[in-house]
C-alpha atoms as a PDB file:
ATOM      1  CA  MET A   1     199.708 -41.715 248.824  1.00  0.00           C
ATOM      2  CA  ALA A   2     200.312 -39.620 251.932  1.00  0.00           C
ATOM      3  CA  ILE A   3     203.711 -39.046 253.235  1.00  0.00           C
ATOM      4  CA  LEU A   4     204.468 -39.580 256.795  1.00  0.00           C
ATOM      5  CA  SER A   5     207.418 -38.420 258.588  1.00  0.00           C
ATOM      6  CA  VAL A   6     208.712 -38.839 262.331  1.00  0.00           C
ATOM      7  CA  LYS A   7     210.452 -35.754 263.815  1.00  0.00           C
ATOM      8  CA  SER A   8     208.964 -36.332 267.516  1.00  0.00           C
ATOM      9  CA  ILE A   9     208.230 -39.221 269.297  1.00  0.00           C
ATOM     10  CA  SER A  10     206.227 -40.053 272.774  1.00  0.00           C
ATOM     11  CA  PHE A  11     206.832 -43.255 274.633  1.00  0.00           C
ATOM     12  CA  ILE A  12     204.341 -45.192 276.593  1.00  0.00           C
ATOM     13  CA  GLY A  13     206.660 -47.277 278.717  1.00  0.00           C
ATOM     14  CA  SER A  14     209.850 -46.823 280.654  1.00  0.00           C
ATOM     15  CA  GLY A  15     211.358 -50.246 280.953  1.00  0.00           C
ATOM     16  CA  ASN A  16     214.353 -51.672 279.325  1.00  0.00           C
ATOM     17  CA  SER A  17     213.139 -51.555 275.506  1.00  0.00           C
ATOM     18  CA  ALA A  18     211.664 -47.871 275.971  1.00  0.00           C
ATOM     19  CA  SER A  19     214.849 -46.824 277.785  1.00  0.00           C
ATOM     20  CA  HIS A  20     217.142 -47.691 275.158  1.00  0.00           C
ATOM     21  CA  LEU A  21     215.060 -46.731 272.067  1.00  0.00           C
ATOM     22  CA  ALA A  22     214.287 -43.401 273.784  1.00  0.00           C
ATOM     23  CA  GLN A  23     217.850 -42.610 274.355  1.00  0.00           C
ATOM     24  CA  VAL A  24     219.191 -43.681 271.045  1.00  0.00           C
ATOM     25  CA  PHE A  25     216.564 -41.510 269.160  1.00  0.00           C
ATOM     26  CA  HIS A  26     217.277 -38.565 271.168  1.00  0.00           C
ATOM     27  CA  GLN A  27     220.935 -39.032 270.373  1.00  0.00           C
ATOM     28  CA  SER A  28     219.923 -38.866 266.671  1.00  0.00           C
ATOM     29  CA  GLY A  29     218.140 -35.882 266.931  1.00  0.00           C
ATOM     30  CA  ILE A  30     214.551 -36.953 267.262  1.00  0.00           C
ATOM     31  CA  LYS A  31     212.687 -34.762 269.777  1.00  0.00           C
ATOM     32  CA  ILE A  32     211.108 -36.928 272.445  1.00  0.00           C
ATOM     33  CA  ASN A  33     208.120 -35.263 273.770  1.00  0.00           C
ATOM     34  CA  GLN A  34     206.638 -37.443 276.560  1.00  0.00           C
ATOM     35  CA  VAL A  35     207.441 -40.416 278.725  1.00  0.00           C
ATOM     36  CA  TYR A  36     204.433 -42.331 280.294  1.00  0.00           C
ATOM     37  CA  SER A  37     204.780 -44.751 283.204  1.00  0.00           C
ATOM     38  CA  ARG A  38     202.526 -45.845 285.805  1.00  0.00           C
ATOM     39  CA  SER A  39     205.450 -45.061 288.132  1.00  0.00           C
ATOM     40  CA  LEU A  40     206.001 -41.335 287.872  1.00  0.00           C
ATOM     41  CA  LYS A  41     209.309 -41.907 289.360  1.00  0.00           C
ATOM     42  CA  ASN A  42     210.068 -44.118 286.518  1.00  0.00           C
ATOM     43  CA  ALA A  43     208.771 -42.015 283.941  1.00  0.00           C
ATOM     44  CA  LYS A  44     211.029 -39.083 285.345  1.00  0.00           C
ATOM     45  CA  ASP A  45     214.190 -41.002 285.474  1.00  0.00           C
ATOM     46  CA  LEU A  46     213.924 -41.664 281.750  1.00  0.00           C
ATOM     47  CA  ALA A  47     212.324 -38.398 280.904  1.00  0.00           C
ATOM     48  CA  ASN A  48     215.301 -36.665 282.488  1.00  0.00           C
ATOM     49  CA  LYS A  49     217.818 -38.288 280.352  1.00  0.00           C
ATOM     50  CA  ILE A  50     216.174 -37.284 277.004  1.00  0.00           C
ATOM     51  CA  SER A  51     214.604 -33.772 277.910  1.00  0.00           C
ATOM     52  CA  ALA A  52     211.029 -35.092 277.522  1.00  0.00           C
ATOM     53  CA  SER A  53     208.065 -34.643 280.133  1.00  0.00           C
ATOM     54  CA  PRO A  54     207.131 -37.353 282.140  1.00  0.00           C
ATOM     55  CA  ILE A  55     203.432 -38.551 282.856  1.00  0.00           C
ATOM     56  CA  ASP A  56     201.782 -41.193 284.840  1.00  0.00           C
ATOM     57  CA  GLN A  57     198.053 -40.580 283.722  1.00  0.00           C
ATOM     58  CA  LEU A  58     197.405 -41.575 279.971  1.00  0.00           C
ATOM     59  CA  ASP A  59     194.850 -38.749 279.847  1.00  0.00           C
ATOM     60  CA  ASP A  60     197.925 -36.509 279.993  1.00  0.00           C
ATOM     61  CA  LEU A  61     199.209 -37.786 276.760  1.00  0.00           C
ATOM     62  CA  ASN A  62     198.898 -35.179 274.376  1.00  0.00           C
ATOM     63  CA  ASN A  63     198.777 -35.360 270.541  1.00  0.00           C
ATOM     64  CA  HIS A  64     201.695 -33.359 269.489  1.00  0.00           C
ATOM     65  CA  SER A  65     204.011 -36.159 268.397  1.00  0.00           C
ATOM     66  CA  ASP A  66     204.426 -37.772 265.097  1.00  0.00           C
ATOM     67  CA  LEU A  67     205.022 -41.261 266.541  1.00  0.00           C
ATOM     68  CA  TYR A  68     203.860 -42.977 269.711  1.00  0.00           C
ATOM     69  CA  ILE A  69     205.605 -45.967 270.995  1.00  0.00           C
ATOM     70  CA  ILE A  70     204.036 -48.482 273.194  1.00  0.00           C
ATOM     71  CA  ALA A  71     206.988 -50.350 274.826  1.00  0.00           C
ATOM     72  CA  VAL A  72     205.051 -52.275 277.739  1.00  0.00           C
ATOM     73  CA  ASN A  73     204.805 -55.918 278.535  1.00  0.00           C
ATOM     74  CA  ASP A  74     202.637 -57.810 275.733  1.00  0.00           C
ATOM     75  CA  ASP A  75     199.913 -58.617 278.210  1.00  0.00           C
ATOM     76  CA  VAL A  76     198.931 -55.050 278.620  1.00  0.00           C
ATOM     77  CA  ILE A  77     199.385 -53.341 275.028  1.00  0.00           C
ATOM     78  CA  GLU A  78     195.596 -53.992 274.169  1.00  0.00           C
ATOM     79  CA  ASP A  79     194.672 -52.465 277.487  1.00  0.00           C
ATOM     80  CA  ILE A  80     196.513 -49.332 276.828  1.00  0.00           C
ATOM     81  CA  ALA A  81     195.659 -49.386 273.239  1.00  0.00           C
ATOM     82  CA  ASN A  82     191.768 -49.138 274.194  1.00  0.00           C
ATOM     83  CA  LYS A  83     192.484 -46.225 276.365  1.00  0.00           C
ATOM     84  CA  LEU A  84     194.113 -44.118 273.406  1.00  0.00           C
ATOM     85  CA  LYS A  85     192.592 -42.164 270.538  1.00  0.00           C
ATOM     86  CA  LEU A  86     195.378 -40.809 268.425  1.00  0.00           C
ATOM     87  CA  ILE A  87     193.352 -40.360 265.099  1.00  0.00           C
ATOM     88  CA  ASP A  88     196.223 -40.062 262.293  1.00  0.00           C
ATOM     89  CA  LYS A  89     199.464 -40.296 264.309  1.00  0.00           C
ATOM     90  CA  ILE A  90     201.557 -43.366 263.725  1.00  0.00           C
ATOM     91  CA  VAL A  91     201.266 -45.669 266.817  1.00  0.00           C
ATOM     92  CA  VAL A  92     203.378 -48.803 266.884  1.00  0.00           C
ATOM     93  CA  HIS A  93     204.265 -51.331 269.614  1.00  0.00           C
ATOM     94  CA  THR A  94     207.543 -53.034 270.170  1.00  0.00           C
ATOM     95  CA  SER A  95     206.441 -56.709 270.495  1.00  0.00           C
ATOM     96  CA  GLY A  96     207.443 -59.636 268.557  1.00  0.00           C
ATOM     97  CA  ALA A  97     204.301 -61.679 269.460  1.00  0.00           C
ATOM     98  CA  LYS A  98     201.355 -59.242 269.214  1.00  0.00           C
ATOM     99  CA  THR A  99     199.807 -58.486 265.943  1.00  0.00           C
ATOM    100  CA  ILE A 100     199.491 -54.888 264.702  1.00  0.00           C
ATOM    101  CA  GLY A 101     195.805 -55.300 264.341  1.00  0.00           C
ATOM    102  CA  CYS A 102     195.588 -54.842 268.074  1.00  0.00           C
ATOM    103  CA  LEU A 103     196.224 -51.238 267.285  1.00  0.00           C
ATOM    104  CA  ALA A 104     193.716 -50.698 264.636  1.00  0.00           C
ATOM    105  CA  LYS A 105     191.206 -48.609 266.800  1.00  0.00           C
ATOM    106  CA  VAL A 106     193.940 -46.345 267.925  1.00  0.00           C
ATOM    107  CA  SER A 107     194.791 -44.506 264.882  1.00  0.00           C
ATOM    108  CA  THR A 108     194.428 -44.768 260.973  1.00  0.00           C
ATOM    109  CA  ASN A 109     198.372 -45.260 260.966  1.00  0.00           C
ATOM    110  CA  PHE A 110     199.785 -48.321 262.956  1.00  0.00           C
ATOM    111  CA  GLY A 111     202.363 -50.999 263.022  1.00  0.00           C
ATOM    112  CA  SER A 112     205.171 -52.396 264.934  1.00  0.00           C
ATOM    113  CA  PHE A 113     208.606 -51.461 265.558  1.00  0.00           C
ATOM    114  CA  TYR A 114     210.482 -54.616 267.151  1.00  0.00           C
ATOM    115  CA  PRO A 115     214.089 -54.608 267.835  1.00  0.00           C
ATOM    116  CA  LEU A 116     215.525 -58.062 267.791  1.00  0.00           C
ATOM    117  CA  GLN A 117     217.538 -58.019 271.009  1.00  0.00           C
ATOM    118  CA  THR A 118     217.254 -58.265 274.521  1.00  0.00           C
ATOM    119  CA  PHE A 119     217.821 -55.226 276.661  1.00  0.00           C
ATOM    120  CA  ASN A 120     218.831 -54.135 280.278  1.00  0.00           C
ATOM    121  CA  LYS A 121     218.511 -50.401 281.349  1.00  0.00           C
ATOM    122  CA  ASN A 122     222.133 -50.805 282.874  1.00  0.00           C
ATOM    123  CA  GLN A 123     223.783 -52.552 279.783  1.00  0.00           C
ATOM    124  CA  PRO A 124     224.729 -50.617 276.888  1.00  0.00           C
ATOM    125  CA  VAL A 125     223.931 -51.708 273.306  1.00  0.00           C
ATOM    126  CA  ASP A 126     225.047 -50.870 269.887  1.00  0.00           C
ATOM    127  CA  PHE A 127     221.968 -50.271 267.793  1.00  0.00           C
ATOM    128  CA  LYS A 128     223.854 -50.313 264.559  1.00  0.00           C
ATOM    129  CA  ASN A 129     224.009 -54.189 264.700  1.00  0.00           C
ATOM    130  CA  ILE A 130     220.700 -54.734 265.824  1.00  0.00           C
ATOM    131  CA  PRO A 131     217.815 -55.800 263.506  1.00  0.00           C
ATOM    132  CA  ILE A 132     214.969 -53.711 263.257  1.00  0.00           C
ATOM    133  CA  LEU A 133     211.832 -55.617 262.356  1.00  0.00           C
ATOM    134  CA  ILE A 134     208.956 -53.126 260.963  1.00  0.00           C
ATOM    135  CA  ASP A 135     205.357 -53.609 259.833  1.00  0.00           C
ATOM    136  CA  GLY A 136     202.762 -51.180 259.155  1.00  0.00           C
ATOM    137  CA  ASN A 137     199.001 -51.169 257.909  1.00  0.00           C
ATOM    138  CA  SER A 138     200.043 -48.858 254.954  1.00  0.00           C
ATOM    139  CA  ASP A 139     202.852 -48.210 252.693  1.00  0.00           C
ATOM    140  CA  ALA A 140     203.258 -44.831 254.028  1.00  0.00           C
ATOM    141  CA  THR A 141     203.348 -46.164 257.499  1.00  0.00           C
ATOM    142  CA  VAL A 142     206.081 -48.759 256.552  1.00  0.00           C
ATOM    143  CA  GLN A 143     208.160 -46.152 254.724  1.00  0.00           C
ATOM    144  CA  ALA A 144     208.073 -43.875 257.701  1.00  0.00           C
ATOM    145  CA  LEU A 145     209.117 -46.610 260.165  1.00  0.00           C
ATOM    146  CA  GLU A 146     211.998 -47.919 257.678  1.00  0.00           C
ATOM    147  CA  LYS A 147     213.439 -44.450 257.458  1.00  0.00           C
ATOM    148  CA  LEU A 148     213.241 -43.998 261.296  1.00  0.00           C
ATOM    149  CA  GLY A 149     214.988 -47.476 261.749  1.00  0.00           C
ATOM    150  CA  LYS A 150     217.633 -46.754 259.298  1.00  0.00           C
ATOM    151  CA  GLY A 151     218.848 -43.653 261.332  1.00  0.00           C
ATOM    152  CA  ILE A 152     219.727 -46.106 264.269  1.00  0.00           C
ATOM    153  CA  SER A 153     220.477 -49.429 262.866  1.00  0.00           C
ATOM    154  CA  ALA A 154     222.106 -50.863 259.555  1.00  0.00           C
ATOM    155  CA  ASN A 155     219.609 -53.652 259.372  1.00  0.00           C
ATOM    156  CA  VAL A 156     216.214 -52.696 258.895  1.00  0.00           C
ATOM    157  CA  GLN A 157     213.552 -55.212 257.617  1.00  0.00           C
ATOM    158  CA  GLN A 158     209.968 -55.456 256.959  1.00  0.00           C
ATOM    159  CA  ALA A 159     208.283 -58.478 258.851  1.00  0.00           C
ATOM    160  CA  ASN A 160     204.620 -59.373 259.015  1.00  0.00           C
ATOM    161  CA  ASP A 161     202.953 -60.741 262.008  1.00  0.00           C
ATOM    162  CA  SER A 162     203.670 -64.258 261.291  1.00  0.00           C
ATOM    163  CA  LYS A 163     207.420 -63.486 260.704  1.00  0.00           C
ATOM    164  CA  ARG A 164     207.929 -61.760 263.671  1.00  0.00           C
ATOM    165  CA  LEU A 165     206.062 -64.545 265.957  1.00  0.00           C
ATOM    166  CA  SER A 166     208.393 -67.051 264.409  1.00  0.00           C
ATOM    167  CA  LEU A 167     211.511 -64.968 265.194  1.00  0.00           C
ATOM    168  CA  HIS A 168     210.363 -63.907 268.694  1.00  0.00           C
ATOM    169  CA  THR A 169     209.627 -67.524 269.353  1.00  0.00           C
ATOM    170  CA  ALA A 170     213.030 -68.434 268.015  1.00  0.00           C
ATOM    171  CA  ALA A 171     214.598 -65.634 270.184  1.00  0.00           C
ATOM    172  CA  VAL A 172     213.156 -67.196 273.156  1.00  0.00           C
ATOM    173  CA  PHE A 173     214.956 -70.552 272.677  1.00  0.00           C
ATOM    174  CA  ALA A 174     218.364 -68.695 271.488  1.00  0.00           C
ATOM    175  CA  ASN A 175     218.438 -66.287 274.493  1.00  0.00           C
ATOM    176  CA  ASN A 176     215.888 -66.879 277.179  1.00  0.00           C
ATOM    177  CA  PHE A 177     216.359 -70.867 277.288  1.00  0.00           C
ATOM    178  CA  THR A 178     219.961 -70.920 276.690  1.00  0.00           C
ATOM    179  CA  ASN A 179     220.356 -68.232 279.423  1.00  0.00           C
ATOM    180  CA  TYR A 180     218.657 -70.555 281.804  1.00  0.00           C
ATOM    181  CA  LEU A 181     220.708 -73.236 280.891  1.00  0.00           C
ATOM    182  CA  CYS A 182     223.546 -71.446 281.835  1.00  0.00           C
ATOM    183  CA  SER A 183     222.132 -70.575 285.156  1.00  0.00           C
ATOM    184  CA  LYS A 184     221.737 -74.382 285.657  1.00  0.00           C
ATOM    185  CA  ALA A 185     225.492 -74.804 284.634  1.00  0.00           C
ATOM    186  CA  GLU A 186     226.280 -72.134 287.223  1.00  0.00           C
ATOM    187  CA  GLU A 187     224.473 -74.047 289.864  1.00  0.00           C
ATOM    188  CA  LEU A 188     226.297 -77.124 288.845  1.00  0.00           C
ATOM    189  CA  SER A 189     229.819 -75.714 288.903  1.00  0.00           C
ATOM    190  CA  GLY A 190     229.388 -73.023 291.650  1.00  0.00           C
ATOM    191  CA  LYS A 191     232.426 -71.006 292.068  1.00  0.00           C
ATOM    192  CA  ASP A 192     234.130 -72.504 288.945  1.00  0.00           C
ATOM    193  CA  PHE A 193     231.629 -71.125 286.398  1.00  0.00           C
ATOM    194  CA  LYS A 194     233.892 -68.804 284.944  1.00  0.00           C
ATOM    195  CA  LEU A 195     235.880 -71.840 283.899  1.00  0.00           C
ATOM    196  CA  LEU A 196     233.020 -72.382 281.569  1.00  0.00           C
ATOM    197  CA  LEU A 197     233.264 -68.993 280.047  1.00  0.00           C
ATOM    198  CA  PRO A 198     235.758 -69.733 277.210  1.00  0.00           C
ATOM    199  CA  LEU A 199     233.553 -72.969 276.287  1.00  0.00           C
ATOM    200  CA  ILE A 200     230.296 -70.731 276.054  1.00  0.00           C
ATOM    201  CA  GLN A 201     231.996 -68.108 274.031  1.00  0.00           C
ATOM    202  CA  GLU A 202     233.430 -70.634 271.616  1.00  0.00           C
ATOM    203  CA  THR A 203     229.940 -72.211 271.218  1.00  0.00           C
ATOM    204  CA  PHE A 204     228.420 -69.081 270.235  1.00  0.00           C
ATOM    205  CA  SER A 205     231.384 -67.982 268.189  1.00  0.00           C
ATOM    206  CA  ARG A 206     231.126 -70.964 265.837  1.00  0.00           C
ATOM    207  CA  LEU A 207     227.490 -69.952 264.905  1.00  0.00           C
ATOM    208  CA  GLN A 208     228.938 -66.991 263.086  1.00  0.00           C
ATOM    209  CA  THR A 209     229.815 -69.187 260.359  1.00  0.00           C
ATOM    210  CA  ASN A 210     228.381 -72.586 260.930  1.00  0.00           C
ATOM    211  CA  SER A 211     224.526 -73.961 261.206  1.00  0.00           C
ATOM    212  CA  PRO A 212     223.923 -75.221 264.820  1.00  0.00           C
ATOM    213  CA  ASN A 213     223.202 -78.716 263.361  1.00  0.00           C
ATOM    214  CA  GLN A 214     226.974 -78.813 261.893  1.00  0.00           C
ATOM    215  CA  VAL A 215     228.624 -78.092 265.162  1.00  0.00           C
ATOM    216  CA  GLN A 216     226.597 -80.317 267.954  1.00  0.00           C
ATOM    217  CA  THR A 217     228.874 -82.107 270.111  1.00  0.00           C
ATOM    218  CA  GLY A 218     228.522 -83.919 273.283  1.00  0.00           C
ATOM    219  CA  PRO A 219     227.917 -87.462 274.681  1.00  0.00           C
ATOM    220  CA  ALA A 220     224.256 -87.644 273.334  1.00  0.00           C
ATOM    221  CA  LYS A 221     225.259 -86.877 269.818  1.00  0.00           C
ATOM    222  CA  ARG A 222     228.165 -89.355 270.068  1.00  0.00           C
ATOM    223  CA  GLY A 223     225.918 -91.957 271.733  1.00  0.00           C
ATOM    224  CA  ASP A 224     228.282 -92.297 274.763  1.00  0.00           C
ATOM    225  CA  ILE A 225     225.828 -94.183 276.868  1.00  0.00           C
ATOM    226  CA  GLN A 226     228.267 -94.768 279.920  1.00  0.00           C
ATOM    227  CA  THR A 227     228.918 -91.066 279.923  1.00  0.00           C
ATOM    228  CA  ILE A 228     225.403 -90.215 280.024  1.00  0.00           C
ATOM    229  CA  ALA A 229     224.540 -92.798 282.689  1.00  0.00           C
ATOM    230  CA  THR A 230     227.347 -91.393 284.937  1.00  0.00           C
ATOM    231  CA  HIS A 231     226.173 -87.956 284.458  1.00  0.00           C
ATOM    232  CA  ILE A 232     222.364 -88.810 285.558  1.00  0.00           C
ATOM    233  CA  ASP A 233     223.732 -91.134 288.508  1.00  0.00           C
ATOM    234  CA  TYR A 234     225.657 -87.779 289.575  1.00  0.00           C
ATOM    235  CA  LEU A 235     222.658 -85.469 289.120  1.00  0.00           C
ATOM    236  CA  LYS A 236     220.357 -87.931 291.063  1.00  0.00           C
ATOM    237  CA  SER A 237     222.807 -87.631 294.056  1.00  0.00           C
ATOM    238  CA  ASN A 238     223.767 -83.888 293.909  1.00  0.00           C
ATOM    239  CA  HIS A 239     221.220 -82.105 291.716  1.00  0.00           C
ATOM    240  CA  PRO A 240     218.059 -84.126 291.399  1.00  0.00           C
ATOM    241  CA  GLY A 241     216.162 -81.025 290.133  1.00  0.00           C
ATOM    242  CA  LEU A 242     218.289 -81.207 286.914  1.00  0.00           C
ATOM    243  CA  VAL A 243     217.754 -84.832 286.176  1.00  0.00           C
ATOM    244  CA  ASP A 244     214.756 -84.254 283.851  1.00  0.00           C
ATOM    245  CA  ILE A 245     215.930 -81.488 282.014  1.00  0.00           C
ATOM    246  CA  TYR A 246     219.300 -83.604 281.247  1.00  0.00           C
ATOM    247  CA  GLN A 247     217.136 -86.592 280.259  1.00  0.00           C
ATOM    248  CA  TYR A 248     215.005 -84.774 278.062  1.00  0.00           C
ATOM    249  CA  LEU A 249     217.457 -82.785 276.187  1.00  0.00           C
ATOM    250  CA  THR A 250     219.713 -85.905 275.841  1.00  0.00           C
ATOM    251  CA  GLN A 251     216.747 -87.679 274.340  1.00  0.00           C
ATOM    252  CA  GLN A 252     215.978 -84.997 271.824  1.00  0.00           C
ATOM    253  CA  ILE A 253     219.706 -84.915 270.569  1.00  0.00           C
ATOM    254  CA  GLN A 254     219.736 -88.704 270.361  1.00  0.00           C
ATOM    255  CA  LYS A 255     216.404 -88.596 268.080  1.00  0.00           C
ATOM    256  CA  GLU A 256     218.169 -86.215 265.762  1.00  0.00           C
ATOM    257  CA  TYR A 257     221.789 -87.381 265.585  1.00  0.00           C
ATOM    258  CA  VAL A 258     222.189 -91.030 266.834  1.00  0.00           C
END
């Protein structure tokens, strides 16, 4: 079995995920060669932080790196992959929903490097606590990605296409949907939203030691029909756009607990 190692990386993408990954790898001593973005300004903004060369044309991507990380929106991964030919370099995407097979034509060594976290360029994160889910088309690729991941995280696991998709879907429920619901709570509470923060913090704190099913509370679980009716009347009068959401979630909780 050929031994693959990663001492240099090029990034295709300069968004939230690429920005955090490029900087943590740079800090860990990995050389970052190039950063590609359709916007040269965005490529320069990231490249300047990690001593890399910015490019805005895929034709300018050289083959001097050991690893190429495609960190772009899922919908354009295959379009980019179809424009690349990197022979025997390791090529990965950072998607939880895309299969590794979409990179099969790019190189003989391909896979995924998926940090299970939400990123914002302006919000620092501690990679030591972030699960890194890896996969590859060969043992050598997996081993190289595992070693790379362990250089930045204490939690690196192999996850095939099916497992990553399951976890990515779950992450949408746990993060994206809950954040949306919090935005609706802010809409309801207005300037008093910060009064809800201790409640929100307690809600998620409990999940450190309990299953969500064990700590579900509220009028829907208790079967408080009058309270539910009062809430719905209030919403109909003041926030009619939230009635359907409230009723649907209430009904789902009632089906499970009442």
